[in-house]
Amino acid sequence: MARMSTRKRNRLTKRDFAGPGRSFPINDRSHARAAISGASRSLHAGNISAATARRVQSKARAKLHSRSYRKGTRK
């Protein structure tokens, strides 16, 4: 996964996060893919509920399949 500085993470909008409390950033392709697998790991570890995991994975997949992400540019 790409590294993100604290400054950059703090500048992200609420839309760029898939989880509650600004967790699971999905601002680019690598972070969206990491959010999908991270939600699964967190579910199996007992840290989040099944509903939260589904919601995070759904938002991350929607970002991955959006037109701007498929082209490699973000608008």
N, C-alpha and C. Protein backbone atom coordinates (compact mmCIF):
# COMPACT_ATOMS: atom_id res chain seq x y z
N MET A 1 0.84 -1.17 0.00
CA MET A 1 0.00 0.00 0.00
C MET A 1 0.89 1.23 0.00
N ALA A 2 0.43 2.26 -0.66
CA ALA A 2 1.16 3.51 -0.70
C ALA A 2 1.14 4.17 0.68
N ARG A 3 2.22 4.81 1.00
CA ARG A 3 2.31 5.52 2.28
C ARG A 3 1.60 6.85 2.17
N MET A 4 1.03 7.29 3.28
CA MET A 4 0.34 8.57 3.30
C MET A 4 0.79 9.34 4.53
N SER A 5 1.17 10.57 4.33
CA SER A 5 1.60 11.39 5.46
C SER A 5 0.38 11.83 6.27
N THR A 6 0.62 12.22 7.48
CA THR A 6 -0.45 12.69 8.35
C THR A 6 -1.10 13.93 7.74
N ARG A 7 -0.30 14.80 7.20
CA ARG A 7 -0.82 16.03 6.59
C ARG A 7 -1.78 15.70 5.44
N LYS A 8 -1.38 14.76 4.58
CA LYS A 8 -2.22 14.40 3.45
C LYS A 8 -3.51 13.73 3.92
N ARG A 9 -3.40 12.85 4.92
CA ARG A 9 -4.59 12.17 5.44
C ARG A 9 -5.56 13.18 6.06
N ASN A 10 -5.05 14.15 6.78
CA ASN A 10 -5.90 15.16 7.40
C ASN A 10 -6.61 16.04 6.37
N ARG A 11 -6.05 16.16 5.19
CA ARG A 11 -6.64 16.99 4.13
C ARG A 11 -7.71 16.25 3.32
N LEU A 12 -7.81 14.94 3.50
CA LEU A 12 -8.82 14.18 2.76
C LEU A 12 -10.22 14.53 3.25
N THR A 13 -11.17 14.47 2.32
CA THR A 13 -12.56 14.75 2.68
C THR A 13 -13.20 13.50 3.28
N LYS A 14 -14.36 13.67 3.84
CA LYS A 14 -15.10 12.55 4.44
C LYS A 14 -15.42 11.50 3.39
N ARG A 15 -15.62 11.92 2.14
CA ARG A 15 -15.92 11.02 1.03
C ARG A 15 -14.78 10.05 0.73
N ASP A 16 -13.56 10.41 1.13
CA ASP A 16 -12.39 9.59 0.83
C ASP A 16 -12.12 8.51 1.87
N PHE A 17 -13.07 8.27 2.76
CA PHE A 17 -12.95 7.23 3.77
C PHE A 17 -14.14 6.29 3.67
N ALA A 18 -13.89 5.00 3.86
CA ALA A 18 -14.98 4.02 3.74
C ALA A 18 -15.51 3.58 5.10
N GLY A 19 -14.73 3.74 6.15
CA GLY A 19 -15.14 3.25 7.45
C GLY A 19 -15.58 4.34 8.40
N PRO A 20 -16.06 3.96 9.54
CA PRO A 20 -16.48 4.93 10.55
C PRO A 20 -15.27 5.62 11.19
N GLY A 21 -15.45 6.86 11.55
CA GLY A 21 -14.39 7.57 12.25
C GLY A 21 -13.15 7.80 11.40
N ARG A 22 -13.33 8.10 10.13
CA ARG A 22 -12.22 8.36 9.20
C ARG A 22 -11.25 7.18 9.12
N SER A 23 -11.80 5.98 9.13
CA SER A 23 -10.96 4.79 8.97
C SER A 23 -11.08 4.28 7.54
N PHE A 24 -10.16 3.49 7.11
CA PHE A 24 -10.11 2.91 5.78
C PHE A 24 -10.13 3.97 4.67
N PRO A 25 -9.02 4.69 4.48
CA PRO A 25 -8.99 5.67 3.39
C PRO A 25 -9.07 4.97 2.04
N ILE A 26 -9.80 5.59 1.11
CA ILE A 26 -9.96 5.02 -0.24
C ILE A 26 -9.71 6.11 -1.28
N ASN A 27 -8.71 6.93 -1.05
CA ASN A 27 -8.44 8.06 -1.93
C ASN A 27 -7.77 7.67 -3.25
N ASP A 28 -7.19 6.47 -3.33
CA ASP A 28 -6.61 6.01 -4.59
C ASP A 28 -6.79 4.50 -4.69
N ARG A 29 -6.36 3.93 -5.82
CA ARG A 29 -6.59 2.50 -6.07
C ARG A 29 -5.94 1.60 -5.02
N SER A 30 -4.71 1.88 -4.65
CA SER A 30 -4.03 1.00 -3.70
C SER A 30 -4.68 1.05 -2.33
N HIS A 31 -5.14 2.23 -1.91
CA HIS A 31 -5.81 2.32 -0.62
C HIS A 31 -7.19 1.68 -0.66
N ALA A 32 -7.87 1.76 -1.79
CA ALA A 32 -9.18 1.12 -1.92
C ALA A 32 -9.05 -0.40 -1.83
N ARG A 33 -8.04 -0.94 -2.52
CA ARG A 33 -7.82 -2.40 -2.45
C ARG A 33 -7.43 -2.81 -1.03
N ALA A 34 -6.62 -1.99 -0.37
CA ALA A 34 -6.22 -2.29 1.00
C ALA A 34 -7.41 -2.22 1.96
N ALA A 35 -8.36 -1.32 1.68
CA ALA A 35 -9.55 -1.21 2.53
C ALA A 35 -10.41 -2.47 2.43
N ILE A 36 -10.50 -3.03 1.24
CA ILE A 36 -11.29 -4.25 1.06
C ILE A 36 -10.68 -5.39 1.87
N SER A 37 -9.38 -5.59 1.75
CA SER A 37 -8.75 -6.68 2.50
C SER A 37 -8.67 -6.36 3.99
N GLY A 38 -8.46 -5.10 4.33
CA GLY A 38 -8.39 -4.70 5.73
C GLY A 38 -9.70 -4.90 6.46
N ALA A 39 -10.80 -4.64 5.76
CA ALA A 39 -12.12 -4.85 6.37
C ALA A 39 -12.34 -6.33 6.65
N SER A 40 -11.90 -7.18 5.74
CA SER A 40 -12.03 -8.62 5.94
C SER A 40 -11.18 -9.07 7.14
N ARG A 41 -9.96 -8.59 7.22
CA ARG A 41 -9.08 -8.94 8.35
C ARG A 41 -9.67 -8.45 9.67
N SER A 42 -10.20 -7.22 9.68
CA SER A 42 -10.77 -6.66 10.90
C SER A 42 -12.02 -7.43 11.33
N LEU A 43 -12.80 -7.89 10.36
CA LEU A 43 -13.98 -8.68 10.67
C LEU A 43 -13.58 -9.99 11.34
N HIS A 44 -12.62 -10.70 10.77
CA HIS A 44 -12.19 -11.98 11.32
C HIS A 44 -11.48 -11.83 12.66
N ALA A 45 -10.88 -10.66 12.91
CA ALA A 45 -10.24 -10.41 14.20
C ALA A 45 -11.25 -9.98 15.25
N GLY A 46 -12.47 -9.67 14.82
CA GLY A 46 -13.52 -9.27 15.76
C GLY A 46 -13.51 -7.79 16.07
N ASN A 47 -12.83 -6.99 15.26
CA ASN A 47 -12.74 -5.56 15.52
C ASN A 47 -13.89 -4.75 14.94
N ILE A 48 -14.54 -5.26 13.90
CA ILE A 48 -15.69 -4.59 13.31
C ILE A 48 -16.79 -5.62 13.07
N SER A 49 -18.00 -5.13 12.93
CA SER A 49 -19.14 -6.03 12.70
C SER A 49 -19.19 -6.42 11.22
N ALA A 50 -19.99 -7.42 10.92
CA ALA A 50 -20.17 -7.87 9.54
C ALA A 50 -20.79 -6.77 8.69
N ALA A 51 -21.72 -6.03 9.27
CA ALA A 51 -22.37 -4.95 8.52
C ALA A 51 -21.38 -3.85 8.18
N THR A 52 -20.51 -3.51 9.10
CA THR A 52 -19.49 -2.50 8.85
C THR A 52 -18.51 -2.98 7.79
N ALA A 53 -18.12 -4.23 7.84
CA ALA A 53 -17.20 -4.78 6.85
C ALA A 53 -17.82 -4.74 5.46
N ARG A 54 -19.10 -5.11 5.35
CA ARG A 54 -19.78 -5.06 4.06
C ARG A 54 -19.86 -3.63 3.53
N ARG A 55 -20.14 -2.68 4.42
CA ARG A 55 -20.25 -1.28 4.01
C ARG A 55 -18.91 -0.75 3.52
N VAL A 56 -17.83 -1.07 4.22
CA VAL A 56 -16.49 -0.63 3.82
C VAL A 56 -16.13 -1.25 2.47
N GLN A 57 -16.35 -2.53 2.32
CA GLN A 57 -16.02 -3.21 1.07
C GLN A 57 -16.86 -2.67 -0.08
N SER A 58 -18.11 -2.38 0.16
CA SER A 58 -18.99 -1.85 -0.88
C SER A 58 -18.52 -0.48 -1.35
N LYS A 59 -18.18 0.40 -0.40
CA LYS A 59 -17.71 1.74 -0.77
C LYS A 59 -16.38 1.66 -1.52
N ALA A 60 -15.50 0.80 -1.07
CA ALA A 60 -14.19 0.67 -1.73
C ALA A 60 -14.34 0.11 -3.14
N ARG A 61 -15.20 -0.89 -3.31
CA ARG A 61 -15.43 -1.44 -4.65
C ARG A 61 -16.08 -0.42 -5.58
N ALA A 62 -16.97 0.39 -5.03
CA ALA A 62 -17.61 1.43 -5.84
C ALA A 62 -16.56 2.43 -6.33
N LYS A 63 -15.62 2.78 -5.48
CA LYS A 63 -14.54 3.69 -5.88
C LYS A 63 -13.67 3.04 -6.94
N LEU A 64 -13.35 1.76 -6.77
CA LEU A 64 -12.51 1.07 -7.75
C LEU A 64 -13.17 0.97 -9.11
N HIS A 65 -14.48 0.81 -9.14
CA HIS A 65 -15.19 0.63 -10.40
C HIS A 65 -15.71 1.93 -11.00
N SER A 66 -15.45 3.05 -10.32
CA SER A 66 -15.91 4.32 -10.89
C SER A 66 -15.07 4.65 -12.12
N ARG A 67 -15.63 5.40 -12.99
CA ARG A 67 -15.00 5.70 -14.28
C ARG A 67 -13.64 6.39 -14.10
N SER A 68 -13.51 7.35 -13.20
CA SER A 68 -12.26 8.07 -13.04
C SER A 68 -11.16 7.17 -12.50
N TYR A 69 -11.49 6.20 -11.66
CA TYR A 69 -10.46 5.29 -11.13
C TYR A 69 -10.00 4.30 -12.19
N ARG A 70 -10.90 3.87 -13.07
CA ARG A 70 -10.51 2.91 -14.11
C ARG A 70 -9.54 3.53 -15.09
N LYS A 71 -9.69 4.81 -15.37
CA LYS A 71 -8.79 5.47 -16.30
C LYS A 71 -7.47 5.83 -15.67
N GLY A 72 -7.39 5.75 -14.36
CA GLY A 72 -6.14 6.08 -13.68
C GLY A 72 -6.04 7.54 -13.28
N THR A 73 -7.04 8.34 -13.60
CA THR A 73 -7.04 9.73 -13.19
C THR A 73 -8.21 9.95 -12.25
N ARG A 74 -8.05 10.86 -11.37
CA ARG A 74 -9.10 11.11 -10.40
C ARG A 74 -9.60 12.53 -10.57
N LYS A 75 -10.91 12.69 -10.60
CA LYS A 75 -11.50 14.02 -10.74
C LYS A 75 -12.12 14.47 -9.47
